[in-house]
Amino acid sequence: MFNVNVVGFTDEVKINGGRYVIKTDRTFDKATYPDLIIIPSLTGHASSATYINKDCTSWISEAYKSGSEVASLCTGAFLLAFSSRVYSKSEN
């Protein structure tokens, strides 16, 4: 039913001091807007994690304007809220 893709700014993301590596399927600059975006839970302090990932918000907002549905898990809601703020500012 779903074709799942992990999208990021680089081909891989190292977390927990490099103990784990998340390999992305495509980078934001090459990704098309999907039918559904699920923002995962963020690690660390919610404000800091949102700020670190702030560059994602424009892509999420543009995808939403293009018809993508957007959802979040747990603390990913903070990034979703920030993205909706970017979206509402672009409407003005």
N, C-alpha and C. Protein backbone atom coordinates (compact mmCIF):
# COMPACT_ATOMS: atom_id res chain seq x y z
N MET A 1 0.80 -1.20 0.00
CA MET A 1 0.00 0.00 0.00
C MET A 1 0.84 1.27 0.00
N PHE A 2 2.02 1.22 0.64
CA PHE A 2 2.85 2.40 0.75
C PHE A 2 4.23 2.14 0.16
N ASN A 3 4.78 3.14 -0.46
CA ASN A 3 6.17 3.15 -0.87
C ASN A 3 6.87 4.11 0.08
N VAL A 4 7.59 3.59 1.06
CA VAL A 4 8.19 4.40 2.12
C VAL A 4 9.58 4.83 1.71
N ASN A 5 9.88 6.11 1.89
CA ASN A 5 11.19 6.67 1.63
C ASN A 5 11.64 7.49 2.82
N VAL A 6 12.92 7.37 3.16
CA VAL A 6 13.52 8.19 4.20
C VAL A 6 14.23 9.33 3.49
N VAL A 7 13.87 10.56 3.84
CA VAL A 7 14.42 11.74 3.18
C VAL A 7 15.25 12.53 4.19
N GLY A 8 16.40 13.00 3.76
CA GLY A 8 17.27 13.79 4.63
C GLY A 8 18.12 14.75 3.81
N PHE A 9 18.97 15.50 4.50
CA PHE A 9 19.83 16.46 3.82
C PHE A 9 21.08 15.81 3.24
N THR A 10 21.45 14.65 3.78
CA THR A 10 22.63 13.93 3.31
C THR A 10 22.25 12.47 3.06
N ASP A 11 23.16 11.71 2.47
CA ASP A 11 22.90 10.31 2.17
C ASP A 11 22.82 9.43 3.41
N GLU A 12 23.44 9.88 4.49
CA GLU A 12 23.35 9.15 5.74
C GLU A 12 23.47 10.10 6.92
N VAL A 13 22.85 9.70 8.03
CA VAL A 13 22.87 10.50 9.24
C VAL A 13 23.39 9.61 10.36
N LYS A 14 24.43 10.08 11.03
CA LYS A 14 24.99 9.32 12.15
C LYS A 14 24.40 9.87 13.44
N ILE A 15 23.93 8.97 14.29
CA ILE A 15 23.36 9.38 15.56
C ILE A 15 24.03 8.61 16.70
N ASN A 16 23.82 9.10 17.91
CA ASN A 16 24.42 8.50 19.10
C ASN A 16 25.92 8.33 18.96
N GLY A 17 26.57 9.43 18.59
CA GLY A 17 28.03 9.40 18.47
C GLY A 17 28.54 8.49 17.36
N GLY A 18 27.72 8.27 16.35
CA GLY A 18 28.12 7.43 15.23
C GLY A 18 27.86 5.95 15.44
N ARG A 19 27.22 5.61 16.55
CA ARG A 19 26.91 4.19 16.80
C ARG A 19 25.87 3.66 15.82
N TYR A 20 24.99 4.54 15.39
CA TYR A 20 23.93 4.15 14.46
C TYR A 20 23.99 5.05 13.24
N VAL A 21 23.69 4.47 12.10
CA VAL A 21 23.66 5.24 10.85
C VAL A 21 22.30 5.01 10.19
N ILE A 22 21.65 6.12 9.84
CA ILE A 22 20.40 6.05 9.09
C ILE A 22 20.72 6.44 7.66
N LYS A 23 20.48 5.54 6.74
CA LYS A 23 20.73 5.82 5.32
C LYS A 23 19.43 6.32 4.69
N THR A 24 19.52 7.43 4.00
CA THR A 24 18.33 8.00 3.37
C THR A 24 18.16 7.44 1.96
N ASP A 25 16.91 7.44 1.52
CA ASP A 25 16.61 7.00 0.16
C ASP A 25 16.85 8.12 -0.85
N ARG A 26 16.64 9.35 -0.42
CA ARG A 26 16.89 10.52 -1.26
C ARG A 26 17.09 11.74 -0.37
N THR A 27 17.68 12.75 -0.95
CA THR A 27 17.88 14.00 -0.22
C THR A 27 16.76 14.97 -0.58
N PHE A 28 16.57 15.96 0.28
CA PHE A 28 15.48 16.91 0.07
C PHE A 28 15.53 17.57 -1.30
N ASP A 29 16.73 17.87 -1.78
CA ASP A 29 16.84 18.54 -3.07
C ASP A 29 16.43 17.66 -4.25
N LYS A 30 16.35 16.33 -4.05
CA LYS A 30 15.96 15.42 -5.12
C LYS A 30 14.61 14.76 -4.86
N ALA A 31 14.02 15.03 -3.72
CA ALA A 31 12.76 14.38 -3.36
C ALA A 31 11.56 15.10 -3.96
N THR A 32 10.63 14.32 -4.46
CA THR A 32 9.36 14.88 -4.90
C THR A 32 8.42 14.91 -3.70
N TYR A 33 7.36 15.69 -3.80
CA TYR A 33 6.42 15.77 -2.68
C TYR A 33 5.54 14.53 -2.66
N PRO A 34 5.52 13.82 -1.54
CA PRO A 34 4.75 12.58 -1.45
C PRO A 34 3.29 12.84 -1.09
N ASP A 35 2.51 11.77 -1.07
CA ASP A 35 1.12 11.87 -0.63
C ASP A 35 1.05 12.08 0.88
N LEU A 36 2.00 11.49 1.62
CA LEU A 36 1.99 11.54 3.08
C LEU A 36 3.41 11.73 3.60
N ILE A 37 3.56 12.66 4.53
CA ILE A 37 4.83 12.88 5.22
C ILE A 37 4.58 12.55 6.69
N ILE A 38 5.44 11.72 7.25
CA ILE A 38 5.36 11.44 8.69
C ILE A 38 6.65 11.95 9.31
N ILE A 39 6.52 12.92 10.17
CA ILE A 39 7.68 13.48 10.86
C ILE A 39 7.94 12.60 12.08
N PRO A 40 9.13 12.02 12.19
CA PRO A 40 9.40 11.12 13.32
C PRO A 40 9.62 11.90 14.61
N SER A 41 9.65 11.17 15.69
CA SER A 41 9.95 11.76 16.99
C SER A 41 11.36 12.35 16.95
N LEU A 42 11.53 13.48 17.61
CA LEU A 42 12.84 14.14 17.66
C LEU A 42 13.56 13.72 18.94
N THR A 43 14.88 13.71 18.91
CA THR A 43 15.64 13.38 20.11
C THR A 43 16.15 14.66 20.76
N GLY A 44 16.37 14.60 22.04
CA GLY A 44 16.88 15.75 22.76
C GLY A 44 15.77 16.70 23.18
N HIS A 45 16.15 17.88 23.60
CA HIS A 45 15.21 18.90 24.03
C HIS A 45 14.39 19.36 22.84
N ALA A 46 13.09 19.50 23.01
CA ALA A 46 12.19 19.80 21.90
C ALA A 46 12.57 21.09 21.17
N SER A 47 12.91 22.14 21.90
CA SER A 47 13.27 23.41 21.26
C SER A 47 14.55 23.27 20.45
N SER A 48 15.54 22.64 21.04
CA SER A 48 16.83 22.46 20.35
C SER A 48 16.67 21.57 19.13
N ALA A 49 15.93 20.48 19.29
CA ALA A 49 15.74 19.55 18.17
C ALA A 49 14.97 20.21 17.03
N THR A 50 13.99 21.03 17.36
CA THR A 50 13.25 21.75 16.33
C THR A 50 14.17 22.73 15.61
N TYR A 51 14.99 23.45 16.36
CA TYR A 51 15.91 24.42 15.76
C TYR A 51 16.92 23.71 14.85
N ILE A 52 17.46 22.59 15.30
CA ILE A 52 18.44 21.85 14.51
C ILE A 52 17.83 21.40 13.18
N ASN A 53 16.54 21.08 13.20
CA ASN A 53 15.85 20.57 12.00
C ASN A 53 15.04 21.64 11.27
N LYS A 54 15.28 22.90 11.59
CA LYS A 54 14.48 23.99 11.03
C LYS A 54 14.52 24.06 9.51
N ASP A 55 15.61 23.60 8.91
CA ASP A 55 15.71 23.65 7.44
C ASP A 55 14.72 22.71 6.75
N CYS A 56 14.16 21.77 7.49
CA CYS A 56 13.14 20.86 6.93
C CYS A 56 11.80 21.56 6.75
N THR A 57 11.58 22.62 7.51
CA THR A 57 10.24 23.22 7.56
C THR A 57 9.78 23.79 6.23
N SER A 58 10.67 24.37 5.48
CA SER A 58 10.27 24.93 4.17
C SER A 58 9.82 23.82 3.23
N TRP A 59 10.56 22.70 3.22
CA TRP A 59 10.19 21.57 2.37
C TRP A 59 8.85 20.99 2.80
N ILE A 60 8.65 20.84 4.09
CA ILE A 60 7.38 20.31 4.61
C ILE A 60 6.24 21.26 4.23
N SER A 61 6.45 22.56 4.41
CA SER A 61 5.41 23.54 4.07
C SER A 61 5.07 23.53 2.59
N GLU A 62 6.10 23.47 1.75
CA GLU A 62 5.86 23.44 0.30
C GLU A 62 5.14 22.15 -0.11
N ALA A 63 5.51 21.04 0.52
CA ALA A 63 4.84 19.78 0.23
C ALA A 63 3.36 19.86 0.62
N TYR A 64 3.09 20.45 1.77
CA TYR A 64 1.71 20.60 2.23
C TYR A 64 0.91 21.46 1.24
N LYS A 65 1.53 22.57 0.80
CA LYS A 65 0.85 23.44 -0.18
C LYS A 65 0.60 22.73 -1.50
N SER A 66 1.44 21.72 -1.79
CA SER A 66 1.28 20.96 -3.03
C SER A 66 0.34 19.77 -2.89
N GLY A 67 -0.24 19.60 -1.70
CA GLY A 67 -1.24 18.55 -1.50
C GLY A 67 -0.83 17.39 -0.62
N SER A 68 0.38 17.39 -0.09
CA SER A 68 0.80 16.31 0.81
C SER A 68 0.07 16.42 2.14
N GLU A 69 -0.30 15.28 2.70
CA GLU A 69 -0.79 15.22 4.06
C GLU A 69 0.43 15.13 4.97
N VAL A 70 0.37 15.76 6.14
CA VAL A 70 1.51 15.76 7.05
C VAL A 70 1.06 15.30 8.44
N ALA A 71 1.80 14.37 9.00
CA ALA A 71 1.52 13.86 10.35
C ALA A 71 2.84 13.79 11.11
N SER A 72 2.74 13.62 12.42
CA SER A 72 3.96 13.53 13.22
C SER A 72 3.79 12.49 14.31
N LEU A 73 4.91 12.04 14.81
CA LEU A 73 4.94 11.12 15.94
C LEU A 73 5.57 11.84 17.13
N CYS A 74 4.93 11.75 18.28
CA CYS A 74 5.46 12.24 19.54
C CYS A 74 6.03 13.66 19.42
N THR A 75 7.31 13.85 19.74
CA THR A 75 7.90 15.19 19.73
C THR A 75 8.11 15.75 18.33
N GLY A 76 7.87 14.96 17.30
CA GLY A 76 7.88 15.49 15.94
C GLY A 76 6.79 16.54 15.76
N ALA A 77 5.81 16.56 16.68
CA ALA A 77 4.74 17.56 16.63
C ALA A 77 5.29 18.98 16.74
N PHE A 78 6.41 19.14 17.42
CA PHE A 78 7.00 20.48 17.54
C PHE A 78 7.52 20.96 16.18
N LEU A 79 8.14 20.07 15.43
CA LEU A 79 8.60 20.43 14.08
C LEU A 79 7.42 20.66 13.15
N LEU A 80 6.36 19.87 13.31
CA LEU A 80 5.14 20.05 12.52
C LEU A 80 4.53 21.42 12.82
N ALA A 81 4.47 21.78 14.10
CA ALA A 81 3.91 23.09 14.47
C ALA A 81 4.75 24.23 13.88
N PHE A 82 6.07 24.09 13.94
CA PHE A 82 6.95 25.11 13.37
C PHE A 82 6.77 25.19 11.86
N SER A 83 6.58 24.04 11.21
CA SER A 83 6.36 24.01 9.76
C SER A 83 5.05 24.69 9.40
N SER A 84 4.02 24.50 10.22
CA SER A 84 2.74 25.15 9.93
C SER A 84 2.86 26.65 10.11
N ARG A 85 3.74 27.08 11.01
CA ARG A 85 3.96 28.51 11.16
C ARG A 85 4.65 29.09 9.92
N VAL A 86 5.61 28.34 9.39
CA VAL A 86 6.28 28.75 8.14
C VAL A 86 5.25 28.84 7.02
N TYR A 87 4.35 27.84 6.95
CA TYR A 87 3.31 27.82 5.94
C TYR A 87 2.38 29.03 6.05
N SER A 88 1.95 29.34 7.27
CA SER A 88 1.01 30.45 7.44
C SER A 88 1.69 31.78 7.15
N LYS A 89 2.99 31.92 7.43
CA LYS A 89 3.69 33.15 7.09
C LYS A 89 3.83 33.32 5.59
N SER A 90 4.01 32.21 4.88
CA SER A 90 4.16 32.31 3.42
C SER A 90 2.85 32.66 2.74
N GLU A 91 1.75 32.47 3.43
CA GLU A 91 0.44 32.79 2.88
C GLU A 91 0.17 34.30 2.95
N ASN A 92 0.88 34.99 3.85
CA ASN A 92 0.62 36.44 4.02
C ASN A 92 1.41 37.26 3.03
